[in-house]
Amino acid sequence: MTIRLRPHHLLCVLTYVGKGYSAAFTANYDAIAARIGDGEDLLIVAGPDDICTPLLHDADPHCHRDSVIERDRLALRDLGELLPTPPRVGDTVVLDPAVLKQMREAFTTGRTRAACVGCEWHGLCTSISARGYAGVVIPSA
């Protein structure tokens, strides 16, 4: 199978430690993170993805907001400048240990953090990267 992932979630998975919007959201994210850790392919999609699924039943899910769409645009731009093959919507990628390490190094230095500005999880993700990614669900090695 393939995991559908929106662009800014390529950054979110770097610091995921099992915290989320709700118990259902976290349980879903845990399952997806396990699949990513096992090397499952990721299909880059526009708009809500497999991580968003538990939130789509809300009256006004933030997954459709312009600010989230802008996060996706910024994440693609920054990752495109980092990775040898710039990711685009419709591409399939695998976050192998080497790619995860490279992405985490760039995240820690702020090189790929433009998409994070204004995100409610910014502080948590910053502290996780500052601690060397201790406790993340998807390890680099």
N, C-alpha and C. Protein backbone atom coordinates (compact mmCIF):
# COMPACT_ATOMS: atom_id res chain seq x y z
N MET A 1 0.84 -1.19 0.00
CA MET A 1 0.00 0.00 0.00
C MET A 1 0.88 1.25 0.00
N THR A 2 0.25 2.35 -0.25
CA THR A 2 0.92 3.64 -0.29
C THR A 2 0.21 4.59 0.67
N ILE A 3 1.00 5.39 1.38
CA ILE A 3 0.46 6.39 2.29
C ILE A 3 0.33 7.70 1.52
N ARG A 4 -0.85 8.30 1.59
CA ARG A 4 -1.07 9.61 0.97
C ARG A 4 -0.64 10.67 1.99
N LEU A 5 0.29 11.55 1.60
CA LEU A 5 0.82 12.55 2.52
C LEU A 5 0.89 13.91 1.85
N ARG A 6 0.34 14.92 2.52
CA ARG A 6 0.44 16.28 1.98
C ARG A 6 1.84 16.80 2.27
N PRO A 7 2.32 17.78 1.50
CA PRO A 7 3.72 18.20 1.60
C PRO A 7 4.19 18.63 2.99
N HIS A 8 3.42 19.43 3.72
CA HIS A 8 3.97 19.87 5.01
C HIS A 8 4.04 18.74 6.02
N HIS A 9 3.29 17.68 5.81
CA HIS A 9 3.40 16.53 6.71
C HIS A 9 4.72 15.78 6.53
N LEU A 10 5.42 16.02 5.42
CA LEU A 10 6.77 15.49 5.28
C LEU A 10 7.68 16.07 6.36
N LEU A 11 7.38 17.28 6.80
CA LEU A 11 8.13 17.90 7.90
C LEU A 11 7.59 17.45 9.25
N CYS A 12 6.30 17.36 9.38
CA CYS A 12 5.69 16.97 10.66
C CYS A 12 6.14 15.59 11.13
N VAL A 13 6.29 14.66 10.19
CA VAL A 13 6.67 13.30 10.60
C VAL A 13 8.07 13.25 11.20
N LEU A 14 8.88 14.26 10.93
CA LEU A 14 10.25 14.29 11.46
C LEU A 14 10.28 14.37 12.98
N THR A 15 9.28 15.04 13.56
CA THR A 15 9.29 15.29 15.01
C THR A 15 8.12 14.62 15.72
N TYR A 16 7.40 13.75 15.05
CA TYR A 16 6.22 13.15 15.67
C TYR A 16 6.61 12.26 16.86
N VAL A 17 6.04 12.57 18.03
CA VAL A 17 6.33 11.84 19.26
C VAL A 17 5.07 11.26 19.90
N GLY A 18 3.99 11.16 19.13
CA GLY A 18 2.78 10.55 19.66
C GLY A 18 1.80 11.53 20.27
N LYS A 19 1.91 12.79 19.91
CA LYS A 19 0.98 13.81 20.39
C LYS A 19 0.16 14.30 19.21
N GLY A 20 -1.12 14.65 19.48
CA GLY A 20 -1.96 15.11 18.39
C GLY A 20 -3.21 15.81 18.89
N TYR A 21 -4.10 16.07 17.98
CA TYR A 21 -5.32 16.84 18.24
C TYR A 21 -6.34 16.08 19.09
N SER A 22 -6.34 14.75 18.98
CA SER A 22 -7.32 13.93 19.69
C SER A 22 -6.79 12.51 19.78
N ALA A 23 -7.45 11.67 20.56
CA ALA A 23 -7.04 10.27 20.66
C ALA A 23 -7.14 9.57 19.31
N ALA A 24 -8.21 9.84 18.57
CA ALA A 24 -8.39 9.22 17.25
C ALA A 24 -7.30 9.68 16.28
N PHE A 25 -6.99 10.96 16.32
CA PHE A 25 -5.94 11.50 15.45
C PHE A 25 -4.61 10.83 15.77
N THR A 26 -4.28 10.74 17.05
CA THR A 26 -3.00 10.17 17.47
C THR A 26 -2.92 8.69 17.11
N ALA A 27 -4.00 7.94 17.32
CA ALA A 27 -3.99 6.52 16.97
C ALA A 27 -3.75 6.33 15.47
N ASN A 28 -4.40 7.15 14.66
CA ASN A 28 -4.22 7.09 13.21
C ASN A 28 -2.78 7.45 12.83
N TYR A 29 -2.26 8.52 13.42
CA TYR A 29 -0.89 8.97 13.13
C TYR A 29 0.11 7.90 13.56
N ASP A 30 -0.11 7.27 14.71
CA ASP A 30 0.78 6.19 15.17
C ASP A 30 0.86 5.08 14.12
N ALA A 31 -0.29 4.69 13.60
CA ALA A 31 -0.33 3.63 12.59
C ALA A 31 0.40 4.05 11.31
N ILE A 32 0.19 5.30 10.90
CA ILE A 32 0.86 5.80 9.69
C ILE A 32 2.37 5.89 9.93
N ALA A 33 2.78 6.38 11.09
CA ALA A 33 4.21 6.50 11.41
C ALA A 33 4.88 5.13 11.39
N ALA A 34 4.20 4.12 11.89
CA ALA A 34 4.76 2.77 11.87
C ALA A 34 4.97 2.31 10.43
N ARG A 35 4.04 2.61 9.57
CA ARG A 35 4.16 2.23 8.16
C ARG A 35 5.30 2.99 7.48
N ILE A 36 5.45 4.28 7.81
CA ILE A 36 6.56 5.06 7.25
C ILE A 36 7.88 4.48 7.73
N GLY A 37 7.94 4.14 9.02
CA GLY A 37 9.15 3.54 9.59
C GLY A 37 9.51 2.22 8.95
N ASP A 38 8.50 1.52 8.44
CA ASP A 38 8.73 0.25 7.75
C ASP A 38 9.13 0.44 6.29
N GLY A 39 9.20 1.71 5.84
CA GLY A 39 9.65 2.00 4.48
C GLY A 39 8.56 2.04 3.44
N GLU A 40 7.32 2.19 3.87
CA GLU A 40 6.22 2.24 2.89
C GLU A 40 6.33 3.50 2.03
N ASP A 41 5.92 3.38 0.78
CA ASP A 41 5.93 4.51 -0.15
C ASP A 41 4.97 5.60 0.32
N LEU A 42 5.36 6.85 0.02
CA LEU A 42 4.52 8.01 0.31
C LEU A 42 4.14 8.67 -1.01
N LEU A 43 2.86 8.86 -1.23
CA LEU A 43 2.38 9.57 -2.40
C LEU A 43 2.09 11.00 -1.97
N ILE A 44 2.76 11.97 -2.57
CA ILE A 44 2.57 13.37 -2.22
C ILE A 44 1.27 13.84 -2.88
N VAL A 45 0.34 14.34 -2.05
CA VAL A 45 -0.98 14.76 -2.53
C VAL A 45 -1.23 16.22 -2.22
N ALA A 46 -2.14 16.82 -2.95
CA ALA A 46 -2.61 18.18 -2.67
C ALA A 46 -3.83 18.05 -1.77
N GLY A 47 -3.83 18.77 -0.67
CA GLY A 47 -4.98 18.76 0.22
C GLY A 47 -4.90 17.68 1.26
N PRO A 48 -6.03 17.42 1.93
CA PRO A 48 -6.06 16.45 3.04
C PRO A 48 -5.52 15.09 2.63
N ASP A 49 -4.81 14.47 3.59
CA ASP A 49 -4.16 13.20 3.34
C ASP A 49 -4.58 12.17 4.39
N ASP A 50 -3.82 11.09 4.47
CA ASP A 50 -4.17 10.03 5.43
C ASP A 50 -4.02 10.48 6.88
N ILE A 51 -3.10 11.39 7.17
CA ILE A 51 -2.97 11.91 8.53
C ILE A 51 -4.17 12.77 8.89
N CYS A 52 -4.71 13.50 7.95
CA CYS A 52 -5.85 14.39 8.18
C CYS A 52 -7.17 13.65 8.42
N THR A 53 -7.26 12.42 8.00
CA THR A 53 -8.54 11.69 7.97
C THR A 53 -9.40 11.85 9.23
N PRO A 54 -8.88 11.68 10.45
CA PRO A 54 -9.74 11.80 11.63
C PRO A 54 -10.29 13.21 11.84
N LEU A 55 -9.68 14.23 11.25
CA LEU A 55 -10.13 15.60 11.43
C LEU A 55 -11.18 16.02 10.42
N LEU A 56 -11.34 15.27 9.36
CA LEU A 56 -12.22 15.68 8.27
C LEU A 56 -13.70 15.62 8.64
N HIS A 57 -14.01 15.01 9.78
CA HIS A 57 -15.41 14.94 10.23
C HIS A 57 -15.80 16.16 11.05
N ASP A 58 -14.82 17.02 11.39
CA ASP A 58 -15.11 18.25 12.12
C ASP A 58 -15.95 19.18 11.25
N ALA A 59 -16.67 20.09 11.88
CA ALA A 59 -17.52 21.02 11.13
C ALA A 59 -16.70 21.89 10.18
N ASP A 60 -15.54 22.34 10.62
CA ASP A 60 -14.68 23.19 9.80
C ASP A 60 -13.24 22.71 9.93
N PRO A 61 -12.89 21.61 9.27
CA PRO A 61 -11.54 21.07 9.44
C PRO A 61 -10.48 22.04 8.91
N HIS A 62 -9.45 22.25 9.72
CA HIS A 62 -8.40 23.20 9.31
C HIS A 62 -7.61 22.68 8.11
N CYS A 63 -7.76 21.42 7.78
CA CYS A 63 -7.03 20.81 6.68
C CYS A 63 -7.30 21.47 5.32
N HIS A 64 -8.42 22.19 5.22
CA HIS A 64 -8.79 22.84 3.96
C HIS A 64 -8.45 24.33 3.94
N ARG A 65 -7.95 24.86 5.04
CA ARG A 65 -7.71 26.31 5.14
C ARG A 65 -6.54 26.75 4.26
N ASP A 66 -6.63 28.01 3.84
CA ASP A 66 -5.57 28.59 3.00
C ASP A 66 -4.22 28.55 3.69
N SER A 67 -4.20 28.74 5.01
CA SER A 67 -2.92 28.73 5.74
C SER A 67 -2.25 27.36 5.66
N VAL A 68 -3.03 26.32 5.65
CA VAL A 68 -2.47 24.96 5.56
C VAL A 68 -1.99 24.68 4.13
N ILE A 69 -2.72 25.16 3.17
CA ILE A 69 -2.31 25.03 1.77
C ILE A 69 -1.00 25.79 1.55
N GLU A 70 -0.86 26.95 2.20
CA GLU A 70 0.40 27.71 2.10
C GLU A 70 1.54 26.94 2.76
N ARG A 71 1.27 26.26 3.87
CA ARG A 71 2.30 25.43 4.50
C ARG A 71 2.80 24.37 3.52
N ASP A 72 1.87 23.78 2.80
CA ASP A 72 2.24 22.77 1.81
C ASP A 72 3.16 23.37 0.74
N ARG A 73 2.80 24.54 0.27
CA ARG A 73 3.61 25.19 -0.77
C ARG A 73 5.02 25.47 -0.26
N LEU A 74 5.12 26.00 0.95
CA LEU A 74 6.43 26.32 1.52
C LEU A 74 7.26 25.06 1.78
N ALA A 75 6.61 24.02 2.24
CA ALA A 75 7.33 22.76 2.48
C ALA A 75 7.90 22.20 1.18
N LEU A 76 7.10 22.21 0.12
CA LEU A 76 7.60 21.72 -1.18
C LEU A 76 8.77 22.57 -1.66
N ARG A 77 8.66 23.88 -1.50
CA ARG A 77 9.75 24.76 -1.92
C ARG A 77 11.04 24.44 -1.16
N ASP A 78 10.94 24.39 0.17
CA ASP A 78 12.14 24.15 0.98
C ASP A 78 12.73 22.76 0.74
N LEU A 79 11.89 21.75 0.66
CA LEU A 79 12.39 20.40 0.42
C LEU A 79 12.96 20.27 -0.99
N GLY A 80 12.38 21.02 -1.92
CA GLY A 80 12.90 21.02 -3.29
C GLY A 80 14.31 21.57 -3.38
N GLU A 81 14.64 22.49 -2.47
CA GLU A 81 15.99 23.05 -2.44
C GLU A 81 16.96 22.14 -1.67
N LEU A 82 16.42 21.20 -0.90
CA LEU A 82 17.24 20.32 -0.08
C LEU A 82 17.54 18.98 -0.74
N LEU A 83 16.50 18.35 -1.25
CA LEU A 83 16.62 16.99 -1.76
C LEU A 83 17.12 16.97 -3.20
N PRO A 84 17.84 15.91 -3.59
CA PRO A 84 18.36 15.83 -4.96
C PRO A 84 17.26 15.88 -6.02
N THR A 85 16.14 15.25 -5.73
CA THR A 85 14.99 15.29 -6.62
C THR A 85 13.87 16.03 -5.91
N PRO A 86 13.56 17.25 -6.33
CA PRO A 86 12.52 18.02 -5.65
C PRO A 86 11.18 17.29 -5.67
N PRO A 87 10.56 17.11 -4.49
CA PRO A 87 9.26 16.43 -4.48
C PRO A 87 8.16 17.32 -5.05
N ARG A 88 7.23 16.69 -5.73
CA ARG A 88 6.07 17.40 -6.31
C ARG A 88 4.83 16.58 -6.03
N VAL A 89 3.69 17.24 -6.06
CA VAL A 89 2.42 16.54 -5.92
C VAL A 89 2.35 15.48 -7.02
N GLY A 90 2.00 14.27 -6.63
CA GLY A 90 1.92 13.14 -7.56
C GLY A 90 3.14 12.24 -7.51
N ASP A 91 4.22 12.72 -6.89
CA ASP A 91 5.43 11.90 -6.75
C ASP A 91 5.28 10.90 -5.62
N THR A 92 5.98 9.81 -5.75
CA THR A 92 6.07 8.81 -4.69
C THR A 92 7.49 8.86 -4.14
N VAL A 93 7.60 8.94 -2.81
CA VAL A 93 8.91 8.99 -2.16
C VAL A 93 8.94 7.99 -1.01
N VAL A 94 10.16 7.65 -0.59
CA VAL A 94 10.38 6.80 0.58
C VAL A 94 11.31 7.57 1.51
N LEU A 95 10.95 7.65 2.76
CA LEU A 95 11.80 8.32 3.75
C LEU A 95 12.72 7.29 4.39
N ASP A 96 13.77 6.94 3.65
CA ASP A 96 14.73 5.99 4.19
C ASP A 96 15.59 6.69 5.25
N PRO A 97 16.38 5.94 6.03
CA PRO A 97 17.16 6.56 7.11
C PRO A 97 18.07 7.70 6.66
N ALA A 98 18.68 7.59 5.51
CA ALA A 98 19.57 8.65 5.03
C ALA A 98 18.80 9.93 4.72
N VAL A 99 17.65 9.78 4.08
CA VAL A 99 16.82 10.95 3.75
C VAL A 99 16.27 11.57 5.04
N LEU A 100 15.82 10.74 5.97
CA LEU A 100 15.33 11.26 7.24
C LEU A 100 16.41 12.05 7.96
N LYS A 101 17.62 11.53 7.97
CA LYS A 101 18.74 12.22 8.63
C LYS A 101 18.98 13.57 7.97
N GLN A 102 19.02 13.59 6.66
CA GLN A 102 19.26 14.84 5.92
C GLN A 102 18.13 15.84 6.19
N MET A 103 16.89 15.37 6.19
CA MET A 103 15.76 16.26 6.43
C MET A 103 15.77 16.79 7.87
N ARG A 104 16.14 15.95 8.83
CA ARG A 104 16.20 16.40 10.22
C ARG A 104 17.32 17.41 10.44
N GLU A 105 18.45 17.22 9.81
CA GLU A 105 19.53 18.20 9.92
C GLU A 105 19.08 19.56 9.39
N ALA A 106 18.41 19.57 8.26
CA ALA A 106 17.92 20.82 7.68
C ALA A 106 16.83 21.44 8.56
N PHE A 107 15.98 20.61 9.13
CA PHE A 107 14.92 21.08 10.02
C PHE A 107 15.52 21.74 11.26
N THR A 108 16.52 21.10 11.84
CA THR A 108 17.16 21.62 13.06
C THR A 108 17.79 22.98 12.82
N THR A 109 18.40 23.16 11.67
CA THR A 109 19.06 24.44 11.37
C THR A 109 18.08 25.51 10.90
N GLY A 110 16.82 25.13 10.68
CA GLY A 110 15.82 26.09 10.23
C GLY A 110 15.69 26.20 8.74
N ARG A 111 16.48 25.44 8.01
CA ARG A 111 16.48 25.52 6.55
C ARG A 111 15.13 25.14 5.93
N THR A 112 14.39 24.27 6.59
CA THR A 112 13.10 23.82 6.05
C THR A 112 11.95 24.16 7.01
N ARG A 113 12.04 25.25 7.74
CA ARG A 113 11.04 25.59 8.74
C ARG A 113 10.05 26.68 8.32
N ALA A 114 10.14 27.20 7.11
CA ALA A 114 9.22 28.27 6.69
C ALA A 114 7.76 27.83 6.82
N ALA A 115 7.49 26.58 6.52
CA ALA A 115 6.12 26.06 6.60
C ALA A 115 5.61 26.00 8.03
N CYS A 116 6.51 26.04 8.99
CA CYS A 116 6.15 25.88 10.41
C CYS A 116 5.71 27.18 11.07
N VAL A 117 5.98 28.31 10.44
CA VAL A 117 5.65 29.60 11.04
C VAL A 117 4.14 29.68 11.27
N GLY A 118 3.76 29.98 12.50
CA GLY A 118 2.34 30.11 12.84
C GLY A 118 1.66 28.81 13.22
N CYS A 119 2.36 27.70 13.12
CA CYS A 119 1.76 26.40 13.47
C CYS A 119 1.71 26.25 14.99
N GLU A 120 0.61 25.73 15.49
CA GLU A 120 0.46 25.55 16.94
C GLU A 120 1.43 24.52 17.52
N TRP A 121 2.02 23.69 16.69
CA TRP A 121 2.97 22.67 17.14
C TRP A 121 4.41 23.14 17.04
N HIS A 122 4.64 24.35 16.60
CA HIS A 122 5.99 24.89 16.38
C HIS A 122 6.90 24.72 17.59
N GLY A 123 6.42 25.09 18.76
CA GLY A 123 7.24 24.99 19.97
C GLY A 123 7.63 23.56 20.31
N LEU A 124 6.67 22.65 20.21
CA LEU A 124 6.95 21.25 20.48
C LEU A 124 7.99 20.71 19.50
N CYS A 125 7.80 20.97 18.23
CA CYS A 125 8.72 20.47 17.21
C CYS A 125 10.12 21.06 17.38
N THR A 126 10.19 22.33 17.76
CA THR A 126 11.47 22.97 18.00
C THR A 126 12.19 22.30 19.16
N SER A 127 11.47 22.02 20.24
CA SER A 127 12.12 21.38 21.39
C SER A 127 12.56 19.95 21.07
N ILE A 128 11.80 19.25 20.26
CA ILE A 128 12.17 17.88 19.86
C ILE A 128 13.45 17.90 19.02
N SER A 129 13.52 18.82 18.08
CA SER A 129 14.73 18.90 17.25
C SER A 129 15.93 19.35 18.09
N ALA A 130 15.71 20.24 19.05
CA ALA A 130 16.80 20.70 19.92
C ALA A 130 17.33 19.57 20.80
N ARG A 131 16.49 18.59 21.11
CA ARG A 131 16.91 17.43 21.92
C ARG A 131 17.47 16.30 21.06
N GLY A 132 17.73 16.59 19.81
CA GLY A 132 18.31 15.57 18.93
C GLY A 132 17.32 14.50 18.50
N TYR A 133 16.03 14.83 18.50
CA TYR A 133 14.96 13.94 18.04
C TYR A 133 14.76 12.74 18.95
N ALA A 134 15.13 12.88 20.20
CA ALA A 134 14.88 11.81 21.18
C ALA A 134 13.38 11.58 21.31
N GLY A 135 12.99 10.32 21.29
CA GLY A 135 11.59 9.96 21.48
C GLY A 135 10.71 10.01 20.26
N VAL A 136 11.28 10.32 19.09
CA VAL A 136 10.45 10.35 17.89
C VAL A 136 10.00 8.93 17.52
N VAL A 137 8.85 8.85 16.89
CA VAL A 137 8.28 7.55 16.54
C VAL A 137 9.02 6.95 15.33
N ILE A 138 9.44 7.79 14.39
CA ILE A 138 10.13 7.30 13.20
C ILE A 138 11.63 7.61 13.36
N PRO A 139 12.43 6.61 13.71
CA PRO A 139 13.86 6.86 13.89
C PRO A 139 14.58 7.02 12.56
N SER A 140 15.73 7.70 12.60
CA SER A 140 16.55 7.86 11.39
C SER A 140 17.36 6.61 11.08
N ALA A 141 17.70 5.88 12.12
CA ALA A 141 18.51 4.68 11.87
C ALA A 141 18.06 3.54 12.74
